[in-house]
Amino acid sequence: MRDADRLHRALEGIDFVIHAAALKQVPAAEYNRSSVSRPMCWALRTSSEACLDSGVQRVVAAIH
Protein backbone atom coordinates (compact mmCIF):
# COMPACT_ATOMS: atom_id res chain seq x y z
CA MET A 1 0.00 0.00 0.00
CA ARG A 2 3.00 2.29 -0.02
CA ASP A 3 2.93 2.80 -3.79
CA ALA A 4 -0.30 4.67 -4.60
CA ASP A 5 0.44 4.84 -8.33
CA ARG A 6 0.84 1.08 -8.57
CA LEU A 7 -2.38 0.60 -6.60
CA HIS A 8 -4.25 2.91 -8.97
CA ARG A 9 -3.00 0.87 -11.95
CA ALA A 10 -4.04 -2.37 -10.25
CA LEU A 11 -7.58 -1.08 -9.71
CA GLU A 12 -8.22 -0.07 -13.33
CA GLY A 13 -11.43 -1.78 -14.47
CA ILE A 14 -12.11 -3.32 -11.05
CA ASP A 15 -15.65 -3.13 -9.65
CA PHE A 16 -15.32 -4.87 -6.27
CA VAL A 17 -12.48 -4.75 -3.71
CA ILE A 18 -12.06 -6.67 -0.48
CA HIS A 19 -9.50 -5.00 1.77
CA ALA A 20 -8.43 -7.60 4.33
CA ALA A 21 -5.65 -6.64 6.70
CA ALA A 22 -4.27 -8.79 9.45
CA LEU A 23 -1.62 -8.31 12.09
CA LYS A 24 1.36 -10.52 11.29
CA GLN A 25 3.31 -9.88 14.47
CA VAL A 26 0.60 -10.22 17.11
CA PRO A 27 2.93 -10.18 20.16
CA ALA A 28 4.74 -7.10 18.84
CA ALA A 29 1.43 -5.44 17.99
CA GLU A 30 0.10 -6.05 21.48
CA TYR A 31 3.24 -4.54 22.98
CA ASN A 32 3.41 -1.47 20.74
CA ARG A 33 -0.02 -0.81 19.25
CA SER A 34 0.72 2.63 17.80
CA SER A 35 3.51 1.30 15.60
CA VAL A 36 1.03 -1.14 14.02
CA SER A 37 -2.12 0.97 13.90
CA ARG A 38 -0.57 3.91 12.00
CA PRO A 39 0.58 1.85 9.01
CA MET A 40 -2.74 -0.02 8.92
CA CYS A 41 -4.65 3.27 8.95
CA TRP A 42 -2.40 4.61 6.22
CA ALA A 43 -3.02 1.51 4.11
CA LEU A 44 -6.77 1.77 4.56
CA ARG A 45 -6.71 5.45 3.60
CA THR A 46 -4.50 4.85 0.57
CA SER A 47 -6.64 1.97 -0.68
CA SER A 48 -9.89 3.87 -0.04
CA GLU A 49 -8.69 6.90 -1.99
CA ALA A 50 -7.46 4.68 -4.83
CA CYS A 51 -10.83 2.92 -4.97
CA LEU A 52 -12.66 6.26 -5.11
CA ASP A 53 -10.32 7.60 -7.80
CA SER A 54 -10.62 4.42 -9.87
CA GLY A 55 -14.42 4.22 -9.75
CA VAL A 56 -14.63 0.99 -7.76
CA GLN A 57 -18.33 0.34 -7.07
CA ARG A 58 -18.08 -1.64 -3.81
CA VAL A 59 -15.44 -1.97 -1.11
CA VAL A 60 -15.48 -4.31 1.86
CA ALA A 61 -12.91 -3.61 4.57
CA ALA A 62 -12.17 -6.42 6.99
CA ILE A 63 -9.50 -5.40 9.45
CA HIS A 64 -8.49 -7.82 12.18
PDB file of N, CA and C in Angstrom:
ATOM      1  N   MET A   1       0.805  -1.195   0.000  1.00  0.00           N
ATOM      2  CA  MET A   1       0.000   0.000   0.000  1.00  0.00           C
ATOM      3  C   MET A   1       0.847   1.256   0.000  1.00  0.00           C
ATOM      4  N   ARG A   2       2.137   1.110  -0.045  1.00  0.00           N
ATOM      5  CA  ARG A   2       2.998   2.287  -0.021  1.00  0.00           C
ATOM      6  C   ARG A   2       3.075   2.974  -1.372  1.00  0.00           C
ATOM      7  N   ASP A   3       2.804   2.248  -2.450  1.00  0.00           N
ATOM      8  CA  ASP A   3       2.926   2.802  -3.793  1.00  0.00           C
ATOM      9  C   ASP A   3       1.532   3.075  -4.356  1.00  0.00           C
ATOM     10  N   ALA A   4       1.060   4.301  -4.177  1.00  0.00           N
ATOM     11  CA  ALA A   4      -0.297   4.667  -4.598  1.00  0.00           C
ATOM     12  C   ALA A   4      -0.466   4.565  -6.106  1.00  0.00           C
ATOM     13  N   ASP A   5       0.551   4.926  -6.870  1.00  0.00           N
ATOM     14  CA  ASP A   5       0.442   4.845  -8.331  1.00  0.00           C
ATOM     15  C   ASP A   5       0.241   3.402  -8.792  1.00  0.00           C
ATOM     16  N   ARG A   6       0.976   2.498  -8.207  1.00  0.00           N
ATOM     17  CA  ARG A   6       0.840   1.079  -8.570  1.00  0.00           C
ATOM     18  C   ARG A   6      -0.549   0.563  -8.188  1.00  0.00           C
ATOM     19  N   LEU A   7      -1.048   1.002  -7.039  1.00  0.00           N
ATOM     20  CA  LEU A   7      -2.376   0.596  -6.599  1.00  0.00           C
ATOM     21  C   LEU A   7      -3.446   1.117  -7.554  1.00  0.00           C
ATOM     22  N   HIS A   8      -3.308   2.359  -7.999  1.00  0.00           N
ATOM     23  CA  HIS A   8      -4.254   2.913  -8.972  1.00  0.00           C
ATOM     24  C   HIS A   8      -4.264   2.083 -10.257  1.00  0.00           C
ATOM     25  N   ARG A   9      -3.083   1.704 -10.736  1.00  0.00           N
ATOM     26  CA  ARG A   9      -2.998   0.874 -11.953  1.00  0.00           C
ATOM     27  C   ARG A   9      -3.660  -0.482 -11.731  1.00  0.00           C
ATOM     28  N   ALA A  10      -3.475  -1.056 -10.544  1.00  0.00           N
ATOM     29  CA  ALA A  10      -4.042  -2.371 -10.248  1.00  0.00           C
ATOM     30  C   ALA A  10      -5.565  -2.331 -10.191  1.00  0.00           C
ATOM     31  N   LEU A  11      -6.131  -1.186  -9.862  1.00  0.00           N
ATOM     32  CA  LEU A  11      -7.580  -1.077  -9.711  1.00  0.00           C
ATOM     33  C   LEU A  11      -8.304  -0.673 -10.994  1.00  0.00           C
ATOM     34  N   GLU A  12      -7.577  -0.450 -12.062  1.00  0.00           N
ATOM     35  CA  GLU A  12      -8.225  -0.068 -13.326  1.00  0.00           C
ATOM     36  C   GLU A  12      -9.174  -1.176 -13.781  1.00  0.00           C
ATOM     37  N   GLY A  13     -10.437  -0.827 -13.996  1.00  0.00           N
ATOM     38  CA  GLY A  13     -11.427  -1.784 -14.474  1.00  0.00           C
ATOM     39  C   GLY A  13     -11.978  -2.711 -13.402  1.00  0.00           C
ATOM     40  N   ILE A  14     -11.650  -2.473 -12.148  1.00  0.00           N
ATOM     41  CA  ILE A  14     -12.114  -3.324 -11.046  1.00  0.00           C
ATOM     42  C   ILE A  14     -13.392  -2.736 -10.459  1.00  0.00           C
ATOM     43  N   ASP A  15     -14.375  -3.584 -10.195  1.00  0.00           N
ATOM     44  CA  ASP A  15     -15.648  -3.133  -9.647  1.00  0.00           C
ATOM     45  C   ASP A  15     -15.803  -3.408  -8.152  1.00  0.00           C
ATOM     46  N   PHE A  16     -15.101  -4.411  -7.639  1.00  0.00           N
ATOM     47  CA  PHE A  16     -15.317  -4.868  -6.266  1.00  0.00           C
ATOM     48  C   PHE A  16     -13.969  -5.129  -5.608  1.00  0.00           C
ATOM     49  N   VAL A  17     -13.742  -4.568  -4.424  1.00  0.00           N
ATOM     50  CA  VAL A  17     -12.481  -4.753  -3.709  1.00  0.00           C
ATOM     51  C   VAL A  17     -12.773  -5.236  -2.297  1.00  0.00           C
ATOM     52  N   ILE A  18     -12.016  -6.235  -1.866  1.00  0.00           N
ATOM     53  CA  ILE A  18     -12.056  -6.669  -0.478  1.00  0.00           C
ATOM     54  C   ILE A  18     -10.706  -6.308   0.127  1.00  0.00           C
ATOM     55  N   HIS A  19     -10.720  -5.425   1.093  1.00  0.00           N
ATOM     56  CA  HIS A  19      -9.499  -5.004   1.772  1.00  0.00           C
ATOM     57  C   HIS A  19      -9.421  -5.773   3.080  1.00  0.00           C
ATOM     58  N   ALA A  20      -8.557  -6.765   3.131  1.00  0.00           N
ATOM     59  CA  ALA A  20      -8.427  -7.600   4.325  1.00  0.00           C
ATOM     60  C   ALA A  20      -7.021  -7.427   4.890  1.00  0.00           C
ATOM     61  N   ALA A  21      -6.941  -6.846   6.046  1.00  0.00           N
ATOM     62  CA  ALA A  21      -5.653  -6.636   6.701  1.00  0.00           C
ATOM     63  C   ALA A  21      -5.604  -7.472   7.965  1.00  0.00           C
ATOM     64  N   ALA A  22      -4.439  -7.993   8.256  1.00  0.00           N
ATOM     65  CA  ALA A  22      -4.267  -8.789   9.455  1.00  0.00           C
ATOM     66  C   ALA A  22      -2.922  -8.451  10.083  1.00  0.00           C
ATOM     67  N   LEU A  23      -2.875  -8.535  11.387  1.00  0.00           N
ATOM     68  CA  LEU A  23      -1.619  -8.311  12.093  1.00  0.00           C
ATOM     69  C   LEU A  23      -0.747  -9.545  11.962  1.00  0.00           C
ATOM     70  N   LYS A  24       0.469  -9.380  11.477  1.00  0.00           N
ATOM     71  CA  LYS A  24       1.355 -10.519  11.293  1.00  0.00           C
ATOM     72  C   LYS A  24       2.211 -10.783  12.526  1.00  0.00           C
ATOM     73  N   GLN A  25       2.487  -9.763  13.265  1.00  0.00           N
ATOM     74  CA  GLN A  25       3.306  -9.884  14.466  1.00  0.00           C
ATOM     75  C   GLN A  25       2.439  -9.577  15.682  1.00  0.00           C
ATOM     76  N   VAL A  26       1.571 -10.479  16.038  1.00  0.00           N
ATOM     77  CA  VAL A  26       0.602 -10.224  17.106  1.00  0.00           C
ATOM     78  C   VAL A  26       1.282  -9.857  18.428  1.00  0.00           C
ATOM     79  N   PRO A  27       2.307 -10.585  18.897  1.00  0.00           N
ATOM     80  CA  PRO A  27       2.935 -10.181  20.163  1.00  0.00           C
ATOM     81  C   PRO A  27       3.526  -8.769  20.094  1.00  0.00           C
ATOM     82  N   ALA A  28       4.168  -8.444  18.992  1.00  0.00           N
ATOM     83  CA  ALA A  28       4.741  -7.104  18.839  1.00  0.00           C
ATOM     84  C   ALA A  28       3.644  -6.052  18.765  1.00  0.00           C
ATOM     85  N   ALA A  29       2.543  -6.376  18.108  1.00  0.00           N
ATOM     86  CA  ALA A  29       1.429  -5.440  17.990  1.00  0.00           C
ATOM     87  C   ALA A  29       0.770  -5.193  19.348  1.00  0.00           C
ATOM     88  N   GLU A  30       0.678  -6.220  20.155  1.00  0.00           N
ATOM     89  CA  GLU A  30       0.101  -6.046  21.483  1.00  0.00           C
ATOM     90  C   GLU A  30       0.995  -5.185  22.365  1.00  0.00           C
ATOM     91  N   TYR A  31       2.291  -5.304  22.172  1.00  0.00           N
ATOM     92  CA  TYR A  31       3.239  -4.538  22.975  1.00  0.00           C
ATOM     93  C   TYR A  31       3.284  -3.070  22.548  1.00  0.00           C
ATOM     94  N   ASN A  32       3.260  -2.821  21.250  1.00  0.00           N
ATOM     95  CA  ASN A  32       3.408  -1.466  20.741  1.00  0.00           C
ATOM     96  C   ASN A  32       2.333  -1.195  19.694  1.00  0.00           C
ATOM     97  N   ARG A  33       1.131  -0.943  20.138  1.00  0.00           N
ATOM     98  CA  ARG A  33      -0.021  -0.805  19.251  1.00  0.00           C
ATOM     99  C   ARG A  33       0.095   0.355  18.275  1.00  0.00           C
ATOM    100  N   SER A  34       0.658   1.467  18.689  1.00  0.00           N
ATOM    101  CA  SER A  34       0.718   2.633  17.798  1.00  0.00           C
ATOM    102  C   SER A  34       1.605   2.383  16.586  1.00  0.00           C
ATOM    103  N   SER A  35       2.633   1.558  16.744  1.00  0.00           N
ATOM    104  CA  SER A  35       3.506   1.295  15.599  1.00  0.00           C
ATOM    105  C   SER A  35       2.820   0.421  14.560  1.00  0.00           C
ATOM    106  N   VAL A  36       1.777  -0.280  14.939  1.00  0.00           N
ATOM    107  CA  VAL A  36       1.032  -1.136  14.017  1.00  0.00           C
ATOM    108  C   VAL A  36      -0.191  -0.401  13.472  1.00  0.00           C
ATOM    109  N   SER A  37      -0.867   0.338  14.321  1.00  0.00           N
ATOM    110  CA  SER A  37      -2.119   0.969  13.895  1.00  0.00           C
ATOM    111  C   SER A  37      -1.892   2.070  12.868  1.00  0.00           C
ATOM    112  N   ARG A  38      -0.816   2.840  12.987  1.00  0.00           N
ATOM    113  CA  ARG A  38      -0.570   3.907  12.004  1.00  0.00           C
ATOM    114  C   ARG A  38      -0.394   3.373  10.587  1.00  0.00           C
ATOM    115  N   PRO A  39       0.457   2.382  10.375  1.00  0.00           N
ATOM    116  CA  PRO A  39       0.585   1.845   9.009  1.00  0.00           C
ATOM    117  C   PRO A  39      -0.707   1.226   8.485  1.00  0.00           C
ATOM    118  N   MET A  40      -1.481   0.580   9.369  1.00  0.00           N
ATOM    119  CA  MET A  40      -2.740  -0.020   8.920  1.00  0.00           C
ATOM    120  C   MET A  40      -3.737   1.068   8.532  1.00  0.00           C
ATOM    121  N   CYS A  41      -3.767   2.149   9.294  1.00  0.00           N
ATOM    122  CA  CYS A  41      -4.654   3.271   8.950  1.00  0.00           C
ATOM    123  C   CYS A  41      -4.223   3.906   7.643  1.00  0.00           C
ATOM    124  N   TRP A  42      -2.919   4.048   7.459  1.00  0.00           N
ATOM    125  CA  TRP A  42      -2.398   4.613   6.217  1.00  0.00           C
ATOM    126  C   TRP A  42      -2.781   3.732   5.030  1.00  0.00           C
ATOM    127  N   ALA A  43      -2.665   2.430   5.187  1.00  0.00           N
ATOM    128  CA  ALA A  43      -3.016   1.506   4.106  1.00  0.00           C
ATOM    129  C   ALA A  43      -4.499   1.581   3.778  1.00  0.00           C
ATOM    130  N   LEU A  44      -5.327   1.670   4.789  1.00  0.00           N
ATOM    131  CA  LEU A  44      -6.771   1.774   4.559  1.00  0.00           C
ATOM    132  C   LEU A  44      -7.108   3.080   3.848  1.00  0.00           C
ATOM    133  N   ARG A  45      -6.472   4.159   4.262  1.00  0.00           N
ATOM    134  CA  ARG A  45      -6.709   5.451   3.604  1.00  0.00           C
ATOM    135  C   ARG A  45      -6.239   5.424   2.152  1.00  0.00           C
ATOM    136  N   THR A  46      -5.049   4.918   1.920  1.00  0.00           N
ATOM    137  CA  THR A  46      -4.504   4.851   0.566  1.00  0.00           C
ATOM    138  C   THR A  46      -5.387   4.007  -0.338  1.00  0.00           C
ATOM    139  N   SER A  47      -5.809   2.843   0.152  1.00  0.00           N
ATOM    140  CA  SER A  47      -6.642   1.970  -0.677  1.00  0.00           C
ATOM    141  C   SER A  47      -8.024   2.577  -0.899  1.00  0.00           C
ATOM    142  N   SER A  48      -8.576   3.231   0.108  1.00  0.00           N
ATOM    143  CA  SER A  48      -9.892   3.869  -0.039  1.00  0.00           C
ATOM    144  C   SER A  48      -9.847   4.978  -1.084  1.00  0.00           C
ATOM    145  N   GLU A  49      -8.823   5.813  -1.008  1.00  0.00           N
ATOM    146  CA  GLU A  49      -8.688   6.896  -1.989  1.00  0.00           C
ATOM    147  C   GLU A  49      -8.490   6.345  -3.392  1.00  0.00           C
ATOM    148  N   ALA A  50      -7.689   5.290  -3.521  1.00  0.00           N
ATOM    149  CA  ALA A  50      -7.458   4.685  -4.828  1.00  0.00           C
ATOM    150  C   ALA A  50      -8.748   4.092  -5.382  1.00  0.00           C
ATOM    151  N   CYS A  51      -9.551   3.477  -4.528  1.00  0.00           N
ATOM    152  CA  CYS A  51     -10.834   2.922  -4.974  1.00  0.00           C
ATOM    153  C   CYS A  51     -11.764   4.039  -5.446  1.00  0.00           C
ATOM    154  N   LEU A  52     -11.823   5.122  -4.706  1.00  0.00           N
ATOM    155  CA  LEU A  52     -12.664   6.257  -5.113  1.00  0.00           C
ATOM    156  C   LEU A  52     -12.190   6.829  -6.443  1.00  0.00           C
ATOM    157  N   ASP A  53     -10.887   7.032  -6.573  1.00  0.00           N
ATOM    158  CA  ASP A  53     -10.323   7.602  -7.799  1.00  0.00           C
ATOM    159  C   ASP A  53     -10.519   6.696  -9.006  1.00  0.00           C
ATOM    160  N   SER A  54     -10.537   5.382  -8.770  1.00  0.00           N
ATOM    161  CA  SER A  54     -10.621   4.419  -9.868  1.00  0.00           C
ATOM    162  C   SER A  54     -12.052   4.025 -10.209  1.00  0.00           C
ATOM    163  N   GLY A  55     -13.018   4.519  -9.452  1.00  0.00           N
ATOM    164  CA  GLY A  55     -14.416   4.216  -9.752  1.00  0.00           C
ATOM    165  C   GLY A  55     -14.870   2.850  -9.302  1.00  0.00           C
ATOM    166  N   VAL A  56     -14.209   2.281  -8.306  1.00  0.00           N
ATOM    167  CA  VAL A  56     -14.626   0.987  -7.763  1.00  0.00           C
ATOM    168  C   VAL A  56     -16.024   1.152  -7.166  1.00  0.00           C
ATOM    169  N   GLN A  57     -16.928   0.230  -7.481  1.00  0.00           N
ATOM    170  CA  GLN A  57     -18.325   0.345  -7.065  1.00  0.00           C
ATOM    171  C   GLN A  57     -18.555  -0.075  -5.616  1.00  0.00           C
ATOM    172  N   ARG A  58     -17.870  -1.124  -5.156  1.00  0.00           N
ATOM    173  CA  ARG A  58     -18.084  -1.643  -3.805  1.00  0.00           C
ATOM    174  C   ARG A  58     -16.731  -1.981  -3.167  1.00  0.00           C
ATOM    175  N   VAL A  59     -16.636  -1.643  -1.891  1.00  0.00           N
ATOM    176  CA  VAL A  59     -15.436  -1.965  -1.114  1.00  0.00           C
ATOM    177  C   VAL A  59     -15.873  -2.566   0.206  1.00  0.00           C
ATOM    178  N   VAL A  60     -15.267  -3.691   0.564  1.00  0.00           N
ATOM    179  CA  VAL A  60     -15.479  -4.313   1.861  1.00  0.00           C
ATOM    180  C   VAL A  60     -14.143  -4.267   2.585  1.00  0.00           C
ATOM    181  N   ALA A  61     -14.132  -3.682   3.778  1.00  0.00           N
ATOM    182  CA  ALA A  61     -12.907  -3.613   4.566  1.00  0.00           C
ATOM    183  C   ALA A  61     -13.046  -4.515   5.778  1.00  0.00           C
ATOM    184  N   ALA A  62     -12.175  -5.490   5.861  1.00  0.00           N
ATOM    185  CA  ALA A  62     -12.167  -6.420   6.990  1.00  0.00           C
ATOM    186  C   ALA A  62     -10.802  -6.314   7.655  1.00  0.00           C
ATOM    187  N   ILE A  63     -10.756  -5.611   8.765  1.00  0.00           N
ATOM    188  CA  ILE A  63      -9.497  -5.401   9.447  1.00  0.00           C
ATOM    189  C   ILE A  63      -9.539  -6.156  10.768  1.00  0.00           C
ATOM    190  N   HIS A  64      -8.544  -6.976  10.973  1.00  0.00           N
ATOM    191  CA  HIS A  64      -8.490  -7.817  12.178  1.00  0.00           C
ATOM    192  C   HIS A  64      -7.425  -7.308  13.109  1.00  0.00           C
TER     193      HIS A  64
END
